[in-house]
Amino acid sequence: MQTRTLITILLLSFLSPPLLAQDVLRILTWPGYADKDLISAFEARNHVVVEVTYVGTDDELRMKLADSSSKFDVIAANTSEIQLLTRQQLLLPLQLNRLSNRGRQLPRFRQLQDIPGLVTDGEAYGIPFTYSEMGLIYNRKLLATPPDSLNSLWDPRWKGQVLAYDGSNHSFSLARMALDKPPFAIPAAELPETIDKLVALRRNVLTFYSLPEESVSLFTQNKVALLYANYGRQQLKLLQDAGADVGYVIPREGALAWLDCWAISRTTKNRNLAEKWINYTLEPQFSESFTARHGLANTLVQAAVDTPAAYKLIWLEPVEDEQLRNELWLRIYDGDVPDSLVQP
């Protein structure tokens, strides 16, 4: 009897590690999109471990995905990035029949074929999750009248009191809008004036930020008049929660607007688990708590404060040459002068 018991214990000791091993879900996402308590609930429900890697810019997102040593299952990216990643064959087509909670979404977010960049050759590659426009946040204590133009960011009255976003694509598109030019396609002949505009912005700002929390710290710890809100109402809520007396406007030129989606990476080791995560984020408890905490709209309910139709929202699209934009932006950020940036 004792021998049989000993054998049983030995067998269990050999079998236990595999039995106790848990699947791992690797998520590449943005701050606020996967809070710890919501992750814990998902882990407990599915008996898995979730590993989250955060990014602060689209450039960083691309770098992470391009790193062959990094493997992710599910990623969060805007519609423009989804289109680019699909072309690069870095995403898997989605099995929509396995995402039952799509039925909870507002009709305009269920019609994926009507959203540029999400459907390629009849296959869907992204599921809308949250959206916002990139407006202007202003300090009510310093600006008696709300700013009405993107060019307020260049106003010499606010030199050293402006915060802008550290991202190559968005920065070039911002400069183009301020010049009243199409934001996503820069003809070679118009590149010098666009660079001049960005160099002038660098000279007028206090600094550039990457993450929303970073922008809040910079705003509250310095004398800041204007903030270009790449994260839109999320930053507005964070600043209001921090006690800042701020307002929020959509400038007359309009605002770049992003629609972030979940997608499944081609490097996934567990497609089924990735699909469960996407479906989980479309549950009311997740989406509504996400909106309440971070001030961003979700795709299940109409936003309490929506942008009036008169406002011009410009949904993100792929740009003419993202590599060139990134290379030039890094040099502008480092302080190169305009003449050194464009080859004769």
Protein backbone atom coordinates (compact mmCIF):
# COMPACT_ATOMS: atom_id res chain seq x y z
CA MET A 1 0.00 0.00 0.00
CA GLN A 2 2.79 2.38 0.91
CA THR A 3 4.65 1.53 -2.31
CA ARG A 4 1.54 2.23 -4.39
CA THR A 5 1.00 5.56 -2.62
CA LEU A 6 4.63 6.54 -3.20
CA ILE A 7 4.35 5.73 -6.90
CA THR A 8 1.17 7.81 -7.12
CA ILE A 9 2.90 10.80 -5.49
CA LEU A 10 5.88 10.50 -7.83
CA LEU A 11 3.61 10.35 -10.86
CA LEU A 12 1.72 13.43 -9.73
CA SER A 13 4.96 15.31 -9.16
CA PHE A 14 5.94 14.65 -12.77
CA LEU A 15 2.51 15.48 -14.15
CA SER A 16 1.80 18.58 -12.04
CA PRO A 17 3.91 21.18 -13.92
CA PRO A 18 2.12 20.67 -17.27
CA LEU A 19 -1.25 20.51 -15.52
CA LEU A 20 -0.55 23.74 -13.66
CA ALA A 21 0.95 25.56 -16.63
CA GLN A 22 -1.18 28.49 -17.77
CA ASP A 23 -1.64 29.99 -21.19
CA VAL A 24 -0.16 33.48 -21.62
CA LEU A 25 -1.83 36.31 -23.52
CA ARG A 26 0.60 38.99 -24.73
CA ILE A 27 -1.02 42.37 -25.37
CA LEU A 28 0.57 45.39 -27.06
CA THR A 29 -1.53 48.43 -26.24
CA TRP A 30 -1.81 52.00 -25.00
CA PRO A 31 -2.01 53.30 -21.41
CA GLY A 32 -5.50 52.91 -19.97
CA TYR A 33 -6.63 50.22 -22.41
CA ALA A 34 -5.93 47.30 -20.06
CA ASP A 35 -6.27 48.29 -16.40
CA LYS A 36 -4.97 45.85 -13.80
CA ASP A 37 -8.33 44.96 -12.25
CA LEU A 38 -9.89 44.30 -15.66
CA ILE A 39 -6.91 42.13 -16.58
CA SER A 40 -7.21 40.25 -13.27
CA ALA A 41 -10.86 39.49 -13.97
CA PHE A 42 -9.99 38.15 -17.42
CA GLU A 43 -7.16 36.04 -15.97
CA ALA A 44 -9.44 34.54 -13.32
CA ARG A 45 -12.24 33.80 -15.78
CA ASN A 46 -9.97 32.07 -18.30
CA HIS A 47 -7.26 30.71 -15.95
CA VAL A 48 -4.51 32.46 -17.91
CA VAL A 49 -1.73 34.98 -17.42
CA VAL A 50 -1.79 38.33 -19.25
CA GLU A 51 1.39 40.22 -20.10
CA VAL A 52 0.93 43.83 -21.23
CA THR A 53 3.42 46.01 -23.10
CA TYR A 54 2.53 49.69 -23.38
CA VAL A 55 3.45 52.12 -26.15
CA GLY A 56 3.21 55.90 -26.31
CA THR A 57 3.45 56.58 -30.06
CA ASP A 58 2.62 54.89 -33.35
CA ASP A 59 6.35 54.90 -34.10
CA GLU A 60 6.99 52.87 -30.96
CA LEU A 61 4.16 50.50 -31.85
CA ARG A 62 5.77 49.79 -35.22
CA MET A 63 9.18 49.30 -33.64
CA LYS A 64 7.79 46.76 -31.18
CA LEU A 65 6.08 44.80 -33.93
CA ALA A 66 9.17 44.92 -36.14
CA ASP A 67 11.32 43.43 -33.37
CA SER A 68 11.62 39.74 -34.21
CA SER A 69 12.38 38.91 -30.58
CA SER A 70 8.98 40.26 -29.46
CA LYS A 71 5.86 38.16 -29.94
CA PHE A 72 2.36 39.53 -29.32
CA ASP A 73 -1.10 38.01 -29.56
CA VAL A 74 -3.36 41.04 -29.68
CA ILE A 75 -2.59 44.69 -30.37
CA ALA A 76 -4.41 48.04 -30.21
CA ALA A 77 -3.90 50.37 -33.18
CA ASN A 78 -5.77 53.08 -35.06
CA THR A 79 -7.40 52.45 -38.43
CA SER A 80 -4.47 53.93 -40.36
CA GLU A 81 -2.00 51.64 -38.61
CA ILE A 82 -4.29 48.64 -39.09
CA GLN A 83 -4.26 49.31 -42.83
CA LEU A 84 -0.47 49.52 -42.91
CA LEU A 85 0.03 46.43 -40.75
CA THR A 86 -2.39 44.49 -42.95
CA ARG A 87 -0.38 45.41 -46.05
CA GLN A 88 2.77 44.24 -44.29
CA GLN A 89 1.05 40.93 -43.49
CA LEU A 90 1.59 41.39 -39.76
CA LEU A 91 -2.04 40.69 -38.82
CA LEU A 92 -4.38 37.71 -39.04
CA PRO A 93 -7.87 38.08 -40.52
CA LEU A 94 -10.52 38.02 -37.81
CA GLN A 95 -13.08 35.25 -37.32
CA LEU A 96 -16.06 37.55 -36.73
CA ASN A 97 -18.37 34.68 -35.83
CA ARG A 98 -16.24 34.12 -32.71
CA LEU A 99 -16.77 37.71 -31.51
CA SER A 100 -20.36 37.53 -30.31
CA ASN A 101 -20.21 40.79 -28.38
CA ARG A 102 -19.93 42.74 -31.63
CA GLY A 103 -23.72 42.59 -31.51
CA ARG A 104 -23.58 45.04 -28.59
CA GLN A 105 -21.79 47.71 -30.65
CA LEU A 106 -23.47 50.73 -32.21
CA PRO A 107 -24.42 50.05 -35.86
CA ARG A 108 -21.78 52.39 -37.31
CA PHE A 109 -19.04 50.34 -35.63
CA ARG A 110 -20.45 46.99 -36.74
CA GLN A 111 -20.34 47.98 -40.41
CA LEU A 112 -16.62 47.34 -40.76
CA GLN A 113 -16.65 47.67 -44.54
CA ASP A 114 -17.70 51.32 -44.12
CA ILE A 115 -14.63 52.16 -42.01
CA PRO A 116 -11.52 52.81 -44.16
CA GLY A 117 -8.66 50.44 -43.47
CA LEU A 118 -10.47 47.65 -41.60
CA VAL A 119 -11.48 45.33 -44.45
CA THR A 120 -9.03 44.06 -47.10
CA ASP A 121 -9.99 41.56 -49.81
CA GLY A 122 -13.20 40.80 -47.96
CA GLU A 123 -11.44 39.99 -44.66
CA ALA A 124 -11.74 42.11 -41.49
CA TYR A 125 -8.56 42.92 -39.59
CA GLY A 126 -9.67 45.29 -36.83
CA ILE A 127 -12.51 45.65 -34.31
CA PRO A 128 -13.30 49.25 -33.22
CA PHE A 129 -12.93 49.80 -29.51
CA THR A 130 -12.55 53.52 -28.72
CA TYR A 131 -12.20 56.86 -30.46
CA SER A 132 -11.45 60.54 -29.95
CA GLU A 133 -10.47 63.69 -31.75
CA MET A 134 -7.24 65.62 -31.13
CA GLY A 135 -8.37 68.98 -29.86
CA LEU A 136 -6.77 71.85 -27.96
CA ILE A 137 -6.72 71.99 -24.17
CA TYR A 138 -6.22 75.49 -22.80
CA ASN A 139 -5.49 76.95 -19.38
CA ARG A 140 -8.48 79.10 -18.37
CA LYS A 141 -6.28 81.07 -15.99
CA LEU A 142 -4.03 82.22 -18.84
CA LEU A 143 -6.43 82.43 -21.79
CA ALA A 144 -9.52 84.55 -21.20
CA THR A 145 -10.83 83.57 -24.65
CA PRO A 146 -10.67 79.97 -25.93
CA PRO A 147 -8.23 79.48 -28.83
CA ASP A 148 -9.96 78.95 -32.17
CA SER A 149 -7.05 77.88 -34.39
CA LEU A 150 -4.28 75.30 -34.48
CA ASN A 151 -1.95 78.21 -35.13
CA SER A 152 -2.38 79.18 -31.49
CA LEU A 153 0.31 76.58 -30.84
CA TRP A 154 2.71 78.80 -32.79
CA ASP A 155 1.60 82.06 -31.13
CA PRO A 156 4.73 83.83 -29.77
CA ARG A 157 2.70 85.04 -26.79
CA TRP A 158 2.80 81.47 -25.48
CA LYS A 159 6.44 80.73 -26.24
CA GLY A 160 7.67 78.16 -23.71
CA GLN A 161 4.10 77.54 -22.50
CA VAL A 162 2.95 75.05 -25.13
CA LEU A 163 2.96 71.25 -24.94
CA ALA A 164 2.87 69.24 -28.18
CA TYR A 165 2.92 65.55 -29.02
CA ASP A 166 6.09 63.61 -29.85
CA GLY A 167 4.99 61.62 -32.90
CA SER A 168 6.28 61.94 -36.44
CA ASN A 169 3.13 61.23 -38.46
CA HIS A 170 0.80 63.30 -36.31
CA SER A 171 3.24 66.19 -36.04
CA PHE A 172 3.64 66.49 -39.80
CA SER A 173 -0.13 66.20 -40.27
CA LEU A 174 -0.68 68.88 -37.62
CA ALA A 175 1.72 71.24 -39.40
CA ARG A 176 -0.04 70.61 -42.72
CA MET A 177 -3.44 71.41 -41.22
CA ALA A 178 -2.04 74.61 -39.70
CA LEU A 179 -0.83 75.50 -43.23
CA ASP A 180 -4.31 74.71 -44.59
CA LYS A 181 -2.93 71.82 -46.63
CA PRO A 182 -3.98 68.13 -46.94
CA PRO A 183 -2.48 66.39 -43.89
CA PHE A 184 -1.65 62.92 -45.19
CA ALA A 185 0.09 63.66 -48.51
CA ILE A 186 3.02 66.08 -48.71
CA PRO A 187 4.28 66.84 -52.24
CA ALA A 188 8.06 67.08 -52.42
CA ALA A 189 7.85 70.75 -53.39
CA GLU A 190 5.90 71.51 -50.19
CA LEU A 191 8.16 69.61 -47.81
CA PRO A 192 10.43 72.60 -46.99
CA GLU A 193 7.56 74.80 -45.78
CA THR A 194 6.20 71.92 -43.70
CA ILE A 195 9.60 71.42 -42.08
CA ASP A 196 9.86 75.16 -41.44
CA LYS A 197 6.50 75.03 -39.70
CA LEU A 198 7.59 72.16 -37.45
CA VAL A 199 10.91 73.81 -36.59
CA ALA A 200 8.95 76.91 -35.59
CA LEU A 201 6.73 74.73 -33.39
CA ARG A 202 9.75 73.17 -31.69
CA ARG A 203 11.06 76.65 -30.94
CA ASN A 204 7.72 77.70 -29.42
CA VAL A 205 6.98 74.70 -27.20
CA LEU A 206 8.05 73.96 -23.67
CA THR A 207 8.56 70.33 -24.71
CA PHE A 208 6.96 67.35 -26.43
CA TYR A 209 5.24 64.54 -24.51
CA SER A 210 4.48 60.91 -25.38
CA LEU A 211 2.07 59.51 -22.77
CA PRO A 212 -1.10 61.20 -21.48
CA GLU A 213 0.08 60.96 -17.86
CA GLU A 214 3.32 62.67 -18.86
CA SER A 215 1.38 65.58 -20.36
CA VAL A 216 -0.59 65.99 -17.12
CA SER A 217 2.57 66.12 -15.03
CA LEU A 218 4.14 68.67 -17.36
CA PHE A 219 0.97 70.77 -17.41
CA THR A 220 0.51 70.85 -13.64
CA GLN A 221 4.18 71.36 -12.79
CA ASN A 222 4.84 74.17 -15.28
CA LYS A 223 3.20 77.34 -16.53
CA VAL A 224 1.39 75.90 -19.54
CA ALA A 225 -1.11 77.82 -21.64
CA LEU A 226 -1.90 75.34 -24.42
CA LEU A 227 -1.74 71.59 -24.89
CA TYR A 228 -2.19 69.79 -28.19
CA ALA A 229 -4.28 66.86 -27.01
CA ASN A 230 -3.24 63.82 -29.03
CA TYR A 231 -5.31 61.68 -26.63
CA GLY A 232 -8.26 64.07 -26.76
CA ARG A 233 -10.83 63.85 -23.99
CA GLN A 234 -8.75 61.30 -22.11
CA GLN A 235 -6.23 64.05 -21.34
CA LEU A 236 -9.02 66.49 -20.57
CA LYS A 237 -10.42 64.14 -17.92
CA LEU A 238 -6.97 63.44 -16.44
CA LEU A 239 -6.29 67.16 -16.09
CA GLN A 240 -9.71 67.85 -14.60
CA ASP A 241 -9.20 65.00 -12.12
CA ALA A 242 -5.87 66.61 -11.20
CA GLY A 243 -7.66 69.87 -10.40
CA ALA A 244 -6.54 71.86 -13.45
CA ASP A 245 -8.84 74.66 -14.63
CA VAL A 246 -8.92 73.78 -18.32
CA GLY A 247 -11.15 74.02 -21.36
CA TYR A 248 -11.30 71.96 -24.54
CA VAL A 249 -12.00 73.10 -28.10
CA ILE A 250 -11.98 71.81 -31.66
CA PRO A 251 -10.09 74.41 -33.76
CA ARG A 252 -11.61 75.91 -36.90
CA GLU A 253 -9.20 73.94 -39.13
CA GLY A 254 -10.74 70.78 -37.72
CA ALA A 255 -9.10 67.99 -35.75
CA LEU A 256 -7.35 64.77 -36.56
CA ALA A 257 -9.42 61.94 -35.13
CA TRP A 258 -8.50 58.38 -34.38
CA LEU A 259 -10.49 55.18 -34.07
CA ASP A 260 -8.53 52.58 -32.15
CA CYS A 261 -9.16 48.89 -32.81
CA TRP A 262 -8.11 45.50 -31.53
CA ALA A 263 -6.28 43.25 -33.97
CA ILE A 264 -4.62 39.84 -33.80
CA SER A 265 -0.91 39.63 -34.54
CA ARG A 266 0.37 37.04 -37.00
CA THR A 267 2.89 36.04 -34.28
CA THR A 268 0.12 34.93 -31.91
CA LYS A 269 0.57 31.60 -30.18
CA ASN A 270 -3.03 31.51 -28.98
CA ARG A 271 -5.56 32.89 -31.43
CA ASN A 272 -8.46 31.57 -29.38
CA LEU A 273 -7.32 33.48 -26.30
CA ALA A 274 -6.78 36.65 -28.35
CA GLU A 275 -10.37 36.39 -29.60
CA LYS A 276 -11.60 35.96 -26.04
CA TRP A 277 -9.80 39.15 -25.03
CA ILE A 278 -11.36 41.17 -27.84
CA ASN A 279 -14.80 39.80 -27.01
CA TYR A 280 -14.23 40.58 -23.31
CA THR A 281 -13.44 44.25 -24.01
CA LEU A 282 -16.81 44.59 -25.75
CA GLU A 283 -18.72 43.65 -22.61
CA PRO A 284 -20.60 46.58 -21.01
CA GLN A 285 -18.69 46.28 -17.73
CA PHE A 286 -15.34 46.68 -19.49
CA SER A 287 -16.33 49.36 -22.02
CA GLU A 288 -18.32 51.50 -19.60
CA SER A 289 -15.67 51.39 -16.88
CA PHE A 290 -13.08 52.29 -19.52
CA THR A 291 -15.06 55.39 -20.48
CA ALA A 292 -15.75 56.39 -16.87
CA ARG A 293 -12.07 56.09 -15.91
CA HIS A 294 -10.37 57.56 -18.94
CA GLY A 295 -12.91 59.88 -20.55
CA LEU A 296 -12.74 58.18 -23.95
CA ALA A 297 -15.79 57.10 -25.91
CA ASN A 298 -16.53 53.41 -26.38
CA THR A 299 -18.32 51.70 -29.26
CA LEU A 300 -21.26 50.36 -27.25
CA VAL A 301 -23.05 53.55 -26.20
CA GLN A 302 -23.43 57.01 -27.70
CA ALA A 303 -20.95 59.45 -26.18
CA ALA A 304 -22.58 61.72 -23.61
CA VAL A 305 -20.82 64.72 -25.16
CA ASP A 306 -20.43 64.26 -28.88
CA THR A 307 -18.76 66.56 -31.38
CA PRO A 308 -21.32 68.73 -33.20
CA ALA A 309 -21.70 67.95 -36.89
CA ALA A 310 -20.36 71.42 -37.77
CA TYR A 311 -16.94 70.44 -36.47
CA LYS A 312 -14.55 68.98 -38.99
CA LEU A 313 -13.08 65.63 -37.96
CA ILE A 314 -10.34 64.16 -40.14
CA TRP A 315 -9.98 60.40 -39.65
CA LEU A 316 -6.41 59.17 -39.75
CA GLU A 317 -5.14 57.73 -43.02
CA PRO A 318 -1.79 56.29 -44.14
CA VAL A 319 0.74 58.97 -45.06
CA GLU A 320 2.93 59.41 -48.14
CA ASP A 321 6.19 58.25 -46.53
CA GLU A 322 6.17 57.36 -42.86
CA GLN A 323 9.88 56.47 -42.79
CA LEU A 324 10.85 59.88 -44.15
CA ARG A 325 8.52 61.61 -41.71
CA ASN A 326 10.08 59.72 -38.83
CA GLU A 327 13.66 60.45 -39.92
CA LEU A 328 12.94 64.15 -40.38
CA TRP A 329 11.00 64.39 -37.13
CA LEU A 330 13.87 62.95 -35.12
CA ARG A 331 16.19 65.57 -36.56
CA ILE A 332 13.71 68.40 -35.99
CA TYR A 333 13.25 67.23 -32.40
CA ASP A 334 17.02 67.24 -31.91
CA GLY A 335 17.24 70.82 -33.10
CA ASP A 336 18.48 70.63 -36.69
CA VAL A 337 17.87 73.80 -38.70
CA PRO A 338 15.60 73.71 -41.78
CA ASP A 339 18.36 74.05 -44.39
CA SER A 340 20.09 70.90 -43.14
CA LEU A 341 16.95 68.78 -43.38
CA VAL A 342 16.20 68.86 -47.09
CA GLN A 343 18.70 67.75 -49.70
CA PRO A 344 19.22 70.29 -52.50
